[in-house]
């Protein structure tokens, strides 16, 4: 397993659960100095970051791009893949495709989290139909063009009413035949929704594509009440070789959160 830390470049997400904010070059350098293997970047759009400059930064510091988030599509532009308006859905797909293209150039997956949206009362089936159509087209593009998966992140009940539990999302992906969509398992959301976090991860098996490894309170690992030992044991058992990525609050500040994260990750992976 590899380690990663989050960098948000979206001013409107300043209060969000990202360890570093704003300074891409400085954050990449700090991630390398602390000993992380990669960074997970949340840009304003697929064209907002110069890919050549980022590639140079990563090469200079020996880091990889672990994944790219697209929350700005919702936070800034209020776009979702399940918007009842067809024109809005098209704009959402275009935004996601831009992120997929940016991430794919690095061989990295793109993350669909908040842009999945919600369904209105009585419109669940319609929303899931729109979501399946969009995920299928975007995952096919990511796979065929870049050989990369698309990551889908089930969120807790306060953020979406589509899929809150990992197993339900994975079963639905199987049902609609979306083999190129992988699950992003976020331990914060799982702490709210799952009865058995480790057991749920075991059930995901090869569908598991990425892990947001944070504590129960969305602080750095080790600063809440999550028991990480059985979680890491199951990840080893299923052969997970992806990233443990810190999508947590920069509390009390970015440096302290980053230091605590890598310290705890090293203990867990020792």
C-alpha atoms as a PDB file:
ATOM      1  CA  UNK A   1       0.000   0.000   0.000  1.00  0.00           C
ATOM      2  CA  UNK A   2       1.076   3.559  -0.727  1.00  0.00           C
ATOM      3  CA  UNK A   3       0.445   6.852   1.056  1.00  0.00           C
ATOM      4  CA  UNK A   4      -0.999  10.104  -0.261  1.00  0.00           C
ATOM      5  CA  UNK A   5      -2.156  13.445   1.035  1.00  0.00           C
ATOM      6  CA  UNK A   6      -4.719  15.903  -0.319  1.00  0.00           C
ATOM      7  CA  UNK A   7      -4.123  19.307  -1.903  1.00  0.00           C
ATOM      8  CA  UNK A   8      -7.135  21.543  -2.660  1.00  0.00           C
ATOM      9  CA  UNK A   9      -6.743  24.359  -5.155  1.00  0.00           C
ATOM     10  CA  UNK A  10     -10.342  25.601  -4.899  1.00  0.00           C
ATOM     11  CA  UNK A  11     -10.753  28.707  -2.716  1.00  0.00           C
ATOM     12  CA  UNK A  12     -14.427  27.895  -2.084  1.00  0.00           C
ATOM     13  CA  UNK A  13     -13.331  24.584  -0.497  1.00  0.00           C
ATOM     14  CA  UNK A  14     -11.137  26.301   2.056  1.00  0.00           C
ATOM     15  CA  UNK A  15     -13.218  24.902   4.917  1.00  0.00           C
ATOM     16  CA  UNK A  16     -13.228  21.414   3.429  1.00  0.00           C
ATOM     17  CA  UNK A  17     -11.394  18.255   4.520  1.00  0.00           C
ATOM     18  CA  UNK A  18      -8.143  18.787   2.640  1.00  0.00           C
ATOM     19  CA  UNK A  19      -4.769  18.876   4.358  1.00  0.00           C
ATOM     20  CA  UNK A  20      -3.096  21.436   2.098  1.00  0.00           C
ATOM     21  CA  UNK A  21      -4.766  24.386   0.382  1.00  0.00           C
ATOM     22  CA  UNK A  22      -3.745  26.698  -2.413  1.00  0.00           C
ATOM     23  CA  UNK A  23       0.022  26.360  -2.750  1.00  0.00           C
ATOM     24  CA  UNK A  24       0.548  23.467  -5.184  1.00  0.00           C
ATOM     25  CA  UNK A  25       4.337  23.654  -5.469  1.00  0.00           C
ATOM     26  CA  UNK A  26       4.848  24.140  -1.749  1.00  0.00           C
ATOM     27  CA  UNK A  27       2.403  21.380  -0.874  1.00  0.00           C
ATOM     28  CA  UNK A  28       4.052  18.897  -3.233  1.00  0.00           C
ATOM     29  CA  UNK A  29       7.442  19.698  -1.747  1.00  0.00           C
ATOM     30  CA  UNK A  30       6.118  19.304   1.805  1.00  0.00           C
ATOM     31  CA  UNK A  31       4.422  15.997   0.977  1.00  0.00           C
ATOM     32  CA  UNK A  32       7.731  14.670  -0.337  1.00  0.00           C
ATOM     33  CA  UNK A  33       9.686  15.998   2.628  1.00  0.00           C
ATOM     34  CA  UNK A  34       7.360  14.197   5.047  1.00  0.00           C
ATOM     35  CA  UNK A  35       7.669  10.936   3.120  1.00  0.00           C
ATOM     36  CA  UNK A  36       4.345  10.505   1.304  1.00  0.00           C
ATOM     37  CA  UNK A  37       4.304   8.507  -1.930  1.00  0.00           C
ATOM     38  CA  UNK A  38       1.811  10.665  -3.777  1.00  0.00           C
ATOM     39  CA  UNK A  39      -0.624  13.556  -3.731  1.00  0.00           C
ATOM     40  CA  UNK A  40      -4.336  13.726  -4.425  1.00  0.00           C
ATOM     41  CA  UNK A  41      -5.225  17.017  -6.096  1.00  0.00           C
ATOM     42  CA  UNK A  42      -8.563  18.870  -6.199  1.00  0.00           C
ATOM     43  CA  UNK A  43      -8.371  21.491  -8.974  1.00  0.00           C
ATOM     44  CA  UNK A  44     -10.998  24.065  -9.997  1.00  0.00           C
ATOM     45  CA  UNK A  45     -11.333  22.325 -13.378  1.00  0.00           C
ATOM     46  CA  UNK A  46      -9.514  19.991 -15.727  1.00  0.00           C
ATOM     47  CA  UNK A  47      -7.749  22.909 -17.385  1.00  0.00           C
ATOM     48  CA  UNK A  48      -6.905  24.950 -14.282  1.00  0.00           C
ATOM     49  CA  UNK A  49      -3.552  23.299 -13.571  1.00  0.00           C
ATOM     50  CA  UNK A  50      -0.699  23.171 -16.074  1.00  0.00           C
ATOM     51  CA  UNK A  51      -0.058  19.443 -16.501  1.00  0.00           C
ATOM     52  CA  UNK A  52       3.538  19.999 -17.566  1.00  0.00           C
ATOM     53  CA  UNK A  53       4.317  22.051 -14.485  1.00  0.00           C
ATOM     54  CA  UNK A  54       2.710  19.477 -12.186  1.00  0.00           C
ATOM     55  CA  UNK A  55       4.569  16.652 -13.925  1.00  0.00           C
ATOM     56  CA  UNK A  56       7.817  18.508 -13.328  1.00  0.00           C
ATOM     57  CA  UNK A  57       7.015  19.061  -9.648  1.00  0.00           C
ATOM     58  CA  UNK A  58       6.167  15.411  -9.121  1.00  0.00           C
ATOM     59  CA  UNK A  59       9.288  14.227 -10.931  1.00  0.00           C
ATOM     60  CA  UNK A  60      11.503  16.606  -8.974  1.00  0.00           C
ATOM     61  CA  UNK A  61      10.195  15.252  -5.672  1.00  0.00           C
ATOM     62  CA  UNK A  62       9.715  11.612  -6.630  1.00  0.00           C
ATOM     63  CA  UNK A  63       5.939  11.626  -6.092  1.00  0.00           C
ATOM     64  CA  UNK A  64       2.992  10.233  -8.046  1.00  0.00           C
ATOM     65  CA  UNK A  65      -0.424  11.703  -8.702  1.00  0.00           C
ATOM     66  CA  UNK A  66      -2.641   9.355  -6.684  1.00  0.00           C
ATOM     67  CA  UNK A  67      -6.027  10.667  -7.861  1.00  0.00           C
ATOM     68  CA  UNK A  68      -7.818  13.838  -8.926  1.00  0.00           C
ATOM     69  CA  UNK A  69     -11.031  15.069  -7.333  1.00  0.00           C
ATOM     70  CA  UNK A  70     -13.768  17.010  -9.056  1.00  0.00           C
ATOM     71  CA  UNK A  71     -15.694  18.436  -6.128  1.00  0.00           C
ATOM     72  CA  UNK A  72     -15.326  21.923  -7.582  1.00  0.00           C
ATOM     73  CA  UNK A  73     -17.962  20.977 -10.128  1.00  0.00           C
ATOM     74  CA  UNK A  74     -20.473  20.898  -7.281  1.00  0.00           C
ATOM     75  CA  UNK A  75     -18.951  23.329  -4.794  1.00  0.00           C
ATOM     76  CA  UNK A  76     -18.420  26.110  -7.332  1.00  0.00           C
ATOM     77  CA  UNK A  77     -20.743  25.394 -10.248  1.00  0.00           C
ATOM     78  CA  UNK A  78     -23.488  23.263  -8.614  1.00  0.00           C
ATOM     79  CA  UNK A  79     -23.241  20.648 -11.350  1.00  0.00           C
ATOM     80  CA  UNK A  80     -24.328  17.065 -10.771  1.00  0.00           C
ATOM     81  CA  UNK A  81     -24.709  13.954 -12.901  1.00  0.00           C
ATOM     82  CA  UNK A  82     -28.265  13.455 -11.626  1.00  0.00           C
ATOM     83  CA  UNK A  83     -29.653  16.939 -12.224  1.00  0.00           C
ATOM     84  CA  UNK A  84     -33.199  16.626 -13.649  1.00  0.00           C
ATOM     85  CA  UNK A  85     -32.269  19.190 -16.306  1.00  0.00           C
ATOM     86  CA  UNK A  86     -30.670  17.489 -19.314  1.00  0.00           C
ATOM     87  CA  UNK A  87     -28.586  20.537 -20.189  1.00  0.00           C
ATOM     88  CA  UNK A  88     -27.170  20.719 -16.677  1.00  0.00           C
ATOM     89  CA  UNK A  89     -26.297  17.025 -16.833  1.00  0.00           C
ATOM     90  CA  UNK A  90     -24.453  17.565 -20.112  1.00  0.00           C
ATOM     91  CA  UNK A  91     -22.429  20.371 -18.549  1.00  0.00           C
ATOM     92  CA  UNK A  92     -21.661  18.121 -15.585  1.00  0.00           C
ATOM     93  CA  UNK A  93     -20.438  15.338 -17.869  1.00  0.00           C
ATOM     94  CA  UNK A  94     -18.246  17.798 -19.751  1.00  0.00           C
ATOM     95  CA  UNK A  95     -16.748  19.021 -16.480  1.00  0.00           C
ATOM     96  CA  UNK A  96     -16.054  15.464 -15.324  1.00  0.00           C
ATOM     97  CA  UNK A  97     -14.535  14.551 -18.685  1.00  0.00           C
ATOM     98  CA  UNK A  98     -12.106  17.444 -18.298  1.00  0.00           C
ATOM     99  CA  UNK A  99     -10.976  16.050 -14.938  1.00  0.00           C
ATOM    100  CA  UNK A 100     -10.740  12.528 -16.387  1.00  0.00           C
ATOM    101  CA  UNK A 101      -8.530  13.830 -19.201  1.00  0.00           C
ATOM    102  CA  UNK A 102      -6.285  15.726 -16.799  1.00  0.00           C
ATOM    103  CA  UNK A 103      -5.935  12.772 -14.416  1.00  0.00           C
ATOM    104  CA  UNK A 104      -5.588  10.271 -17.229  1.00  0.00           C
ATOM    105  CA  UNK A 105      -2.538  12.042 -18.570  1.00  0.00           C
ATOM    106  CA  UNK A 106      -0.798  10.945 -15.373  1.00  0.00           C
ATOM    107  CA  UNK A 107      -2.329   7.476 -15.392  1.00  0.00           C
ATOM    108  CA  UNK A 108      -4.365   8.510 -12.342  1.00  0.00           C
ATOM    109  CA  UNK A 109      -8.061   7.944 -11.623  1.00  0.00           C
ATOM    110  CA  UNK A 110     -10.643  10.700 -11.286  1.00  0.00           C
ATOM    111  CA  UNK A 111     -13.029  10.757  -8.311  1.00  0.00           C
ATOM    112  CA  UNK A 112     -16.790  11.240  -8.534  1.00  0.00           C
ATOM    113  CA  UNK A 113     -18.021  12.196  -5.087  1.00  0.00           C
ATOM    114  CA  UNK A 114     -20.264  15.205  -4.539  1.00  0.00           C
ATOM    115  CA  UNK A 115     -20.951  15.533  -8.273  1.00  0.00           C
ATOM    116  CA  UNK A 116     -23.089  12.396  -8.118  1.00  0.00           C
ATOM    117  CA  UNK A 117     -25.811  14.635  -6.690  1.00  0.00           C
ATOM    118  CA  UNK A 118     -29.070  13.510  -5.103  1.00  0.00           C
ATOM    119  CA  UNK A 119     -32.457  12.265  -6.230  1.00  0.00           C
ATOM    120  CA  UNK A 120     -35.679  14.156  -5.671  1.00  0.00           C
ATOM    121  CA  UNK A 121     -38.551  12.435  -3.871  1.00  0.00           C
ATOM    122  CA  UNK A 122     -39.980   9.707  -6.069  1.00  0.00           C
ATOM    123  CA  UNK A 123     -37.248  10.136  -8.699  1.00  0.00           C
ATOM    124  CA  UNK A 124     -34.650   7.633  -7.494  1.00  0.00           C
ATOM    125  CA  UNK A 125     -34.861   5.309 -10.484  1.00  0.00           C
ATOM    126  CA  UNK A 126     -34.589   8.177 -12.941  1.00  0.00           C
ATOM    127  CA  UNK A 127     -31.574   9.568 -11.082  1.00  0.00           C
ATOM    128  CA  UNK A 128     -29.858   6.188 -11.018  1.00  0.00           C
ATOM    129  CA  UNK A 129     -30.501   5.822 -14.734  1.00  0.00           C
ATOM    130  CA  UNK A 130     -28.821   9.158 -15.414  1.00  0.00           C
ATOM    131  CA  UNK A 131     -25.959   8.248 -13.108  1.00  0.00           C
ATOM    132  CA  UNK A 132     -25.415   4.864 -14.773  1.00  0.00           C
ATOM    133  CA  UNK A 133     -25.427   6.457 -18.232  1.00  0.00           C
ATOM    134  CA  UNK A 134     -22.883   9.101 -17.232  1.00  0.00           C
ATOM    135  CA  UNK A 135     -20.625   6.730 -15.306  1.00  0.00           C
ATOM    136  CA  UNK A 136     -20.646   4.264 -18.179  1.00  0.00           C
ATOM    137  CA  UNK A 137     -19.613   6.853 -20.752  1.00  0.00           C
ATOM    138  CA  UNK A 138     -16.979   8.455 -18.520  1.00  0.00           C
ATOM    139  CA  UNK A 139     -15.514   5.175 -17.278  1.00  0.00           C
ATOM    140  CA  UNK A 140     -15.326   3.884 -20.839  1.00  0.00           C
ATOM    141  CA  UNK A 141     -13.474   7.025 -21.890  1.00  0.00           C
ATOM    142  CA  UNK A 142     -11.043   6.760 -18.953  1.00  0.00           C
ATOM    143  CA  UNK A 143     -10.350   3.083 -19.607  1.00  0.00           C
ATOM    144  CA  UNK A 144     -10.061   3.186 -23.388  1.00  0.00           C
ATOM    145  CA  UNK A 145      -8.068   6.421 -23.588  1.00  0.00           C
ATOM    146  CA  UNK A 146      -5.843   6.205 -20.511  1.00  0.00           C
ATOM    147  CA  UNK A 147      -6.177   2.697 -19.099  1.00  0.00           C
ATOM    148  CA  UNK A 148      -7.369   4.243 -15.838  1.00  0.00           C
ATOM    149  CA  UNK A 149     -10.436   3.429 -13.752  1.00  0.00           C
ATOM    150  CA  UNK A 150     -13.095   5.894 -12.665  1.00  0.00           C
ATOM    151  CA  UNK A 151     -13.605   6.124  -8.897  1.00  0.00           C
ATOM    152  CA  UNK A 152     -17.098   6.363  -7.413  1.00  0.00           C
ATOM    153  CA  UNK A 153     -17.371   7.418  -3.778  1.00  0.00           C
ATOM    154  CA  UNK A 154     -20.475   6.543  -1.733  1.00  0.00           C
ATOM    155  CA  UNK A 155     -21.122   9.417   0.667  1.00  0.00           C
ATOM    156  CA  UNK A 156     -22.907   9.546   3.990  1.00  0.00           C
ATOM    157  CA  UNK A 157     -26.634  10.211   4.291  1.00  0.00           C
ATOM    158  CA  UNK A 158     -26.130  13.930   4.958  1.00  0.00           C
ATOM    159  CA  UNK A 159     -24.394  14.434   1.598  1.00  0.00           C
ATOM    160  CA  UNK A 160     -26.343  12.204  -0.804  1.00  0.00           C
ATOM    161  CA  UNK A 161     -29.374   9.922  -0.873  1.00  0.00           C
ATOM    162  CA  UNK A 162     -28.135   7.787  -3.776  1.00  0.00           C
ATOM    163  CA  UNK A 163     -25.759   5.271  -2.168  1.00  0.00           C
ATOM    164  CA  UNK A 164     -24.507   5.563   1.382  1.00  0.00           C
ATOM    165  CA  UNK A 165     -23.186   2.037   1.940  1.00  0.00           C
ATOM    166  CA  UNK A 166     -20.278   0.589   0.002  1.00  0.00           C
ATOM    167  CA  UNK A 167     -21.828  -2.818  -0.586  1.00  0.00           C
ATOM    168  CA  UNK A 168     -25.033  -1.324  -2.005  1.00  0.00           C
ATOM    169  CA  UNK A 169     -23.031   0.796  -4.432  1.00  0.00           C
ATOM    170  CA  UNK A 170     -20.868  -2.148  -5.502  1.00  0.00           C
ATOM    171  CA  UNK A 171     -23.923  -4.366  -6.046  1.00  0.00           C
ATOM    172  CA  UNK A 172     -25.544  -1.670  -8.185  1.00  0.00           C
ATOM    173  CA  UNK A 173     -22.394  -1.245 -10.274  1.00  0.00           C
ATOM    174  CA  UNK A 174     -22.436  -5.007 -10.886  1.00  0.00           C
ATOM    175  CA  UNK A 175     -26.132  -4.910 -11.745  1.00  0.00           C
ATOM    176  CA  UNK A 176     -25.749  -2.179 -14.369  1.00  0.00           C
ATOM    177  CA  UNK A 177     -22.546  -3.663 -15.777  1.00  0.00           C
ATOM    178  CA  UNK A 178     -20.093  -0.889 -14.901  1.00  0.00           C
ATOM    179  CA  UNK A 179     -16.967  -3.026 -14.593  1.00  0.00           C
ATOM    180  CA  UNK A 180     -14.572  -0.094 -15.085  1.00  0.00           C
ATOM    181  CA  UNK A 181     -15.921   1.898 -12.140  1.00  0.00           C
ATOM    182  CA  UNK A 182     -14.086   1.260  -8.881  1.00  0.00           C
ATOM    183  CA  UNK A 183     -15.202   2.112  -5.361  1.00  0.00           C
ATOM    184  CA  UNK A 184     -13.500   4.813  -3.334  1.00  0.00           C
ATOM    185  CA  UNK A 185     -13.984   3.782   0.289  1.00  0.00           C
ATOM    186  CA  UNK A 186     -13.849   6.790   2.600  1.00  0.00           C
ATOM    187  CA  UNK A 187     -13.479   5.717   6.229  1.00  0.00           C
ATOM    188  CA  UNK A 188     -15.195   8.873   7.488  1.00  0.00           C
ATOM    189  CA  UNK A 189     -18.371   8.112   5.546  1.00  0.00           C
ATOM    190  CA  UNK A 190     -18.082   4.429   6.426  1.00  0.00           C
ATOM    191  CA  UNK A 191     -17.844   5.288  10.137  1.00  0.00           C
ATOM    192  CA  UNK A 192     -21.321   6.831   9.846  1.00  0.00           C
ATOM    193  CA  UNK A 193     -22.973   4.248   7.583  1.00  0.00           C
ATOM    194  CA  UNK A 194     -21.354   0.821   8.022  1.00  0.00           C
ATOM    195  CA  UNK A 195     -21.838  -1.674  10.839  1.00  0.00           C
ATOM    196  CA  UNK A 196     -18.502  -3.374  10.166  1.00  0.00           C
ATOM    197  CA  UNK A 197     -15.946  -1.289   8.271  1.00  0.00           C
ATOM    198  CA  UNK A 198     -13.342  -4.034   7.892  1.00  0.00           C
ATOM    199  CA  UNK A 199     -15.933  -6.606   6.856  1.00  0.00           C
ATOM    200  CA  UNK A 200     -17.382  -4.228   4.288  1.00  0.00           C
ATOM    201  CA  UNK A 201     -13.952  -3.649   2.770  1.00  0.00           C
ATOM    202  CA  UNK A 202     -13.434  -7.416   2.568  1.00  0.00           C
ATOM    203  CA  UNK A 203     -16.703  -7.699   0.663  1.00  0.00           C
ATOM    204  CA  UNK A 204     -15.601  -5.131  -1.912  1.00  0.00           C
ATOM    205  CA  UNK A 205     -12.598  -7.235  -2.923  1.00  0.00           C
ATOM    206  CA  UNK A 206     -11.291  -6.282  -6.378  1.00  0.00           C
ATOM    207  CA  UNK A 207     -13.894  -3.521  -6.729  1.00  0.00           C
ATOM    208  CA  UNK A 208     -11.932  -1.432  -4.182  1.00  0.00           C
ATOM    209  CA  UNK A 209      -9.905   1.198  -6.009  1.00  0.00           C
ATOM    210  CA  UNK A 210      -8.915   3.863  -3.474  1.00  0.00           C
ATOM    211  CA  UNK A 211      -9.139   4.533   0.270  1.00  0.00           C
ATOM    212  CA  UNK A 212      -9.564   7.817   2.089  1.00  0.00           C
ATOM    213  CA  UNK A 213      -7.915   6.825   5.345  1.00  0.00           C
ATOM    214  CA  UNK A 214      -9.017   9.324   7.985  1.00  0.00           C
ATOM    215  CA  UNK A 215     -10.360   9.074  11.487  1.00  0.00           C
ATOM    216  CA  UNK A 216     -13.943   8.950  12.715  1.00  0.00           C
ATOM    217  CA  UNK A 217     -14.084  12.734  13.225  1.00  0.00           C
ATOM    218  CA  UNK A 218     -12.464  13.489   9.862  1.00  0.00           C
ATOM    219  CA  UNK A 219      -9.230  14.443  11.567  1.00  0.00           C
ATOM    220  CA  UNK A 220      -5.870  12.860  10.818  1.00  0.00           C
ATOM    221  CA  UNK A 221      -5.644   9.126  11.468  1.00  0.00           C
ATOM    222  CA  UNK A 222      -5.062   8.501  15.153  1.00  0.00           C
ATOM    223  CA  UNK A 223      -6.926  11.578  16.375  1.00  0.00           C
ATOM    224  CA  UNK A 224     -10.359   9.929  16.582  1.00  0.00           C
ATOM    225  CA  UNK A 225     -11.719   6.569  17.738  1.00  0.00           C
ATOM    226  CA  UNK A 226     -11.295   4.436  14.600  1.00  0.00           C
ATOM    227  CA  UNK A 227      -9.524   1.104  15.139  1.00  0.00           C
ATOM    228  CA  UNK A 228      -7.344   0.942  12.044  1.00  0.00           C
ATOM    229  CA  UNK A 229      -5.617  -2.377  12.757  1.00  0.00           C
ATOM    230  CA  UNK A 230      -8.421  -4.669  11.481  1.00  0.00           C
ATOM    231  CA  UNK A 231      -8.978  -2.343   8.522  1.00  0.00           C
ATOM    232  CA  UNK A 232      -5.354  -2.556   7.385  1.00  0.00           C
ATOM    233  CA  UNK A 233      -5.351  -6.313   8.017  1.00  0.00           C
ATOM    234  CA  UNK A 234      -8.315  -6.744   5.655  1.00  0.00           C
ATOM    235  CA  UNK A 235      -6.721  -4.489   3.035  1.00  0.00           C
ATOM    236  CA  UNK A 236      -3.662  -6.738   3.111  1.00  0.00           C
ATOM    237  CA  UNK A 237      -5.872  -9.828   3.000  1.00  0.00           C
ATOM    238  CA  UNK A 238      -7.647  -8.704  -0.183  1.00  0.00           C
ATOM    239  CA  UNK A 239      -4.368  -7.659  -1.801  1.00  0.00           C
ATOM    240  CA  UNK A 240      -5.126  -3.954  -1.904  1.00  0.00           C
ATOM    241  CA  UNK A 241      -2.081  -2.184  -3.371  1.00  0.00           C
ATOM    242  CA  UNK A 242      -3.535   1.284  -3.836  1.00  0.00           C
ATOM    243  CA  UNK A 243      -3.309   4.445  -1.779  1.00  0.00           C
ATOM    244  CA  UNK A 244      -4.217   5.337   1.753  1.00  0.00           C
ATOM    245  CA  UNK A 245      -5.016   8.983   1.156  1.00  0.00           C
ATOM    246  CA  UNK A 246      -5.576  11.622   3.828  1.00  0.00           C
ATOM    247  CA  UNK A 247      -8.719  13.587   3.007  1.00  0.00           C
ATOM    248  CA  UNK A 248      -8.934  15.171   6.448  1.00  0.00           C
ATOM    249  CA  UNK A 249      -9.263  18.594   8.020  1.00  0.00           C
ATOM    250  CA  UNK A 250      -6.056  20.628   8.378  1.00  0.00           C
ATOM    251  CA  UNK A 251      -6.484  20.758  12.142  1.00  0.00           C
ATOM    252  CA  UNK A 252      -4.947  22.208  14.164  1.00  0.00           C
ATOM    253  CA  UNK A 253      -3.052  23.188  11.010  1.00  0.00           C
ATOM    254  CA  UNK A 254      -1.849  21.607   7.785  1.00  0.00           C
ATOM    255  CA  UNK A 255       1.621  20.738   9.021  1.00  0.00           C
ATOM    256  CA  UNK A 256       0.395  19.050  12.199  1.00  0.00           C
ATOM    257  CA  UNK A 257      -2.266  17.089  10.324  1.00  0.00           C
ATOM    258  CA  UNK A 258       0.245  15.949   7.716  1.00  0.00           C
ATOM    259  CA  UNK A 259       2.815  14.917  10.313  1.00  0.00           C
ATOM    260  CA  UNK A 260       0.261  12.968  12.326  1.00  0.00           C
ATOM    261  CA  UNK A 261      -1.043  11.277   9.181  1.00  0.00           C
ATOM    262  CA  UNK A 262       2.308   9.992   7.957  1.00  0.00           C
ATOM    263  CA  UNK A 263       3.299   8.947  11.470  1.00  0.00           C
ATOM    264  CA  UNK A 264       0.149   6.842  11.852  1.00  0.00           C
ATOM    265  CA  UNK A 265       0.358   5.439   8.326  1.00  0.00           C
ATOM    266  CA  UNK A 266       3.910   4.270   8.974  1.00  0.00           C
ATOM    267  CA  UNK A 267       2.815   2.566  12.191  1.00  0.00           C
ATOM    268  CA  UNK A 268      -0.016   0.799  10.403  1.00  0.00           C
ATOM    269  CA  UNK A 269       2.060  -0.288   7.399  1.00  0.00           C
ATOM    270  CA  UNK A 270       5.162  -1.277   9.342  1.00  0.00           C
END
